[in-house]
PDB file of N, CA and C in Angstrom:
ATOM      1  N   CYS A   1       0.849  -1.202   0.000  1.00  0.00           N
ATOM      2  CA  CYS A   1       0.000   0.000   0.000  1.00  0.00           C
ATOM      3  C   CYS A   1       0.878   1.244   0.000  1.00  0.00           C
ATOM      4  N   PRO A   2       0.645   2.161  -0.907  1.00  0.00           N
ATOM      5  CA  PRO A   2       1.477   3.372  -1.071  1.00  0.00           C
ATOM      6  C   PRO A   2       1.604   4.176   0.213  1.00  0.00           C
ATOM      7  N   MET A   3       0.514   4.248   0.997  1.00  0.00           N
ATOM      8  CA  MET A   3       0.537   5.051   2.222  1.00  0.00           C
ATOM      9  C   MET A   3       1.580   4.513   3.190  1.00  0.00           C
ATOM     10  N   ALA A   4       1.634   3.196   3.339  1.00  0.00           N
ATOM     11  CA  ALA A   4       2.606   2.580   4.253  1.00  0.00           C
ATOM     12  C   ALA A   4       4.024   2.855   3.767  1.00  0.00           C
ATOM     13  N   GLN A   5       4.215   2.785   2.454  1.00  0.00           N
ATOM     14  CA  GLN A   5       5.538   3.030   1.886  1.00  0.00           C
ATOM     15  C   GLN A   5       5.958   4.475   2.149  1.00  0.00           C
ATOM     16  N   MET A   6       5.010   5.406   2.017  1.00  0.00           N
ATOM     17  CA  MET A   6       5.298   6.814   2.244  1.00  0.00           C
ATOM     18  C   MET A   6       5.676   7.041   3.706  1.00  0.00           C
ATOM     19  N   THR A   7       4.932   6.398   4.603  1.00  0.00           N
ATOM     20  CA  THR A   7       5.209   6.551   6.032  1.00  0.00           C
ATOM     21  C   THR A   7       6.598   6.021   6.355  1.00  0.00           C
ATOM     22  N   LEU A   8       6.952   4.880   5.767  1.00  0.00           N
ATOM     23  CA  LEU A   8       8.267   4.297   5.997  1.00  0.00           C
ATOM     24  C   LEU A   8       9.353   5.238   5.491  1.00  0.00           C
ATOM     25  N   LYS A   9       9.132   5.791   4.299  1.00  0.00           N
ATOM     26  CA  LYS A   9      10.107   6.707   3.709  1.00  0.00           C
ATOM     27  C   LYS A   9      10.274   7.940   4.586  1.00  0.00           C
ATOM     28  N   ASN A  10       9.155   8.486   5.057  1.00  0.00           N
ATOM     29  CA  ASN A  10       9.212   9.669   5.924  1.00  0.00           C
ATOM     30  C   ASN A  10       9.949   9.352   7.212  1.00  0.00           C
ATOM     31  N   GLY A  11       9.702   8.179   7.756  1.00  0.00           N
ATOM     32  CA  GLY A  11      10.362   7.778   8.996  1.00  0.00           C
ATOM     33  C   GLY A  11      11.868   7.677   8.808  1.00  0.00           C
ATOM     34  N   ILE A  12      12.278   7.086   7.683  1.00  0.00           N
ATOM     35  CA  ILE A  12      13.706   6.936   7.396  1.00  0.00           C
ATOM     36  C   ILE A  12      14.341   8.306   7.180  1.00  0.00           C
ATOM     37  N   GLU A  13      13.651   9.169   6.430  1.00  0.00           N
ATOM     38  CA  GLU A  13      14.187  10.510   6.177  1.00  0.00           C
ATOM     39  C   GLU A  13      14.364  11.267   7.483  1.00  0.00           C
ATOM     40  N   ARG A  14      13.368  11.157   8.371  1.00  0.00           N
ATOM     41  CA  ARG A  14      13.430  11.864   9.646  1.00  0.00           C
ATOM     42  C   ARG A  14      14.622  11.348  10.463  1.00  0.00           C
ATOM     43  N   LEU A  15      14.834  10.032  10.407  1.00  0.00           N
ATOM     44  CA  LEU A  15      15.957   9.434  11.133  1.00  0.00           C
ATOM     45  C   LEU A  15      17.281   9.953  10.575  1.00  0.00           C
ATOM     46  N   LEU A  16      17.391   9.940   9.243  1.00  0.00           N
ATOM     47  CA  LEU A  16      18.630  10.389   8.612  1.00  0.00           C
ATOM     48  C   LEU A  16      18.878  11.870   8.866  1.00  0.00           C
ATOM     49  N   LYS A  17      17.824  12.673   8.802  1.00  0.00           N
ATOM     50  CA  LYS A  17      17.966  14.112   9.049  1.00  0.00           C
ATOM     51  C   LYS A  17      18.493  14.365  10.451  1.00  0.00           C
ATOM     52  N   LYS A  18      18.051  13.531  11.404  1.00  0.00           N
ATOM     53  CA  LYS A  18      18.507  13.703  12.784  1.00  0.00           C
ATOM     54  C   LYS A  18      19.992  13.347  12.890  1.00  0.00           C
ATOM     55  N   GLU A  19      20.389  12.298  12.153  1.00  0.00           N
ATOM     56  CA  GLU A  19      21.777  11.837  12.211  1.00  0.00           C
ATOM     57  C   GLU A  19      22.689  12.724  11.362  1.00  0.00           C
ATOM     58  N   ILE A  20      22.283  12.933  10.094  1.00  0.00           N
ATOM     59  CA  ILE A  20      23.119  13.706   9.172  1.00  0.00           C
ATOM     60  C   ILE A  20      22.256  14.708   8.401  1.00  0.00           C
ATOM     61  N   PRO A  21      22.334  15.985   8.762  1.00  0.00           N
ATOM     62  CA  PRO A  21      21.543  17.033   8.087  1.00  0.00           C
ATOM     63  C   PRO A  21      21.773  17.068   6.582  1.00  0.00           C
ATOM     64  N   GLU A  22      22.980  16.742   6.129  1.00  0.00           N
ATOM     65  CA  GLU A  22      23.288  16.810   4.694  1.00  0.00           C
ATOM     66  C   GLU A  22      22.468  15.818   3.887  1.00  0.00           C
ATOM     67  N   VAL A  23      22.021  14.743   4.526  1.00  0.00           N
ATOM     68  CA  VAL A  23      21.270  13.701   3.815  1.00  0.00           C
ATOM     69  C   VAL A  23      19.999  14.270   3.200  1.00  0.00           C
ATOM     70  N   ARG A  24      19.427  15.289   3.831  1.00  0.00           N
ATOM     71  CA  ARG A  24      18.194  15.886   3.323  1.00  0.00           C
ATOM     72  C   ARG A  24      18.386  16.345   1.883  1.00  0.00           C
ATOM     73  N   GLU A  25      19.526  16.949   1.583  1.00  0.00           N
ATOM     74  CA  GLU A  25      19.772  17.431   0.229  1.00  0.00           C
ATOM     75  C   GLU A  25      19.906  16.263  -0.740  1.00  0.00           C
ATOM     76  N   VAL A  26      20.522  15.180  -0.288  1.00  0.00           N
ATOM     77  CA  VAL A  26      20.700  14.009  -1.148  1.00  0.00           C
ATOM     78  C   VAL A  26      19.351  13.403  -1.504  1.00  0.00           C
ATOM     79  N   ILE A  27      18.463  13.288  -0.517  1.00  0.00           N
ATOM     80  CA  ILE A  27      17.139  12.712  -0.751  1.00  0.00           C
ATOM     81  C   ILE A  27      16.327  13.606  -1.690  1.00  0.00           C
ATOM     82  N   SER A  28      16.468  14.928  -1.538  1.00  0.00           N
ATOM     83  CA  SER A  28      15.694  15.860  -2.355  1.00  0.00           C
ATOM     84  C   SER A  28      16.167  15.823  -3.805  1.00  0.00           C
ATOM     85  N   ALA A  29      17.462  15.614  -4.026  1.00  0.00           N
ATOM     86  CA  ALA A  29      18.025  15.653  -5.373  1.00  0.00           C
ATOM     87  C   ALA A  29      17.415  14.589  -6.282  1.00  0.00           C
TER      88      ALA A  29
END
C-alpha cells in the first residue's frame, strides 16, 4: 500500500535528518 511506503520513507528521512543534516539534500536531489 502506497501510504505505508510513504510513512516508511518519511520515517527513514526523519531518522537520517537527525543523524546527518546533509542527507536531506541528497534525498531531495
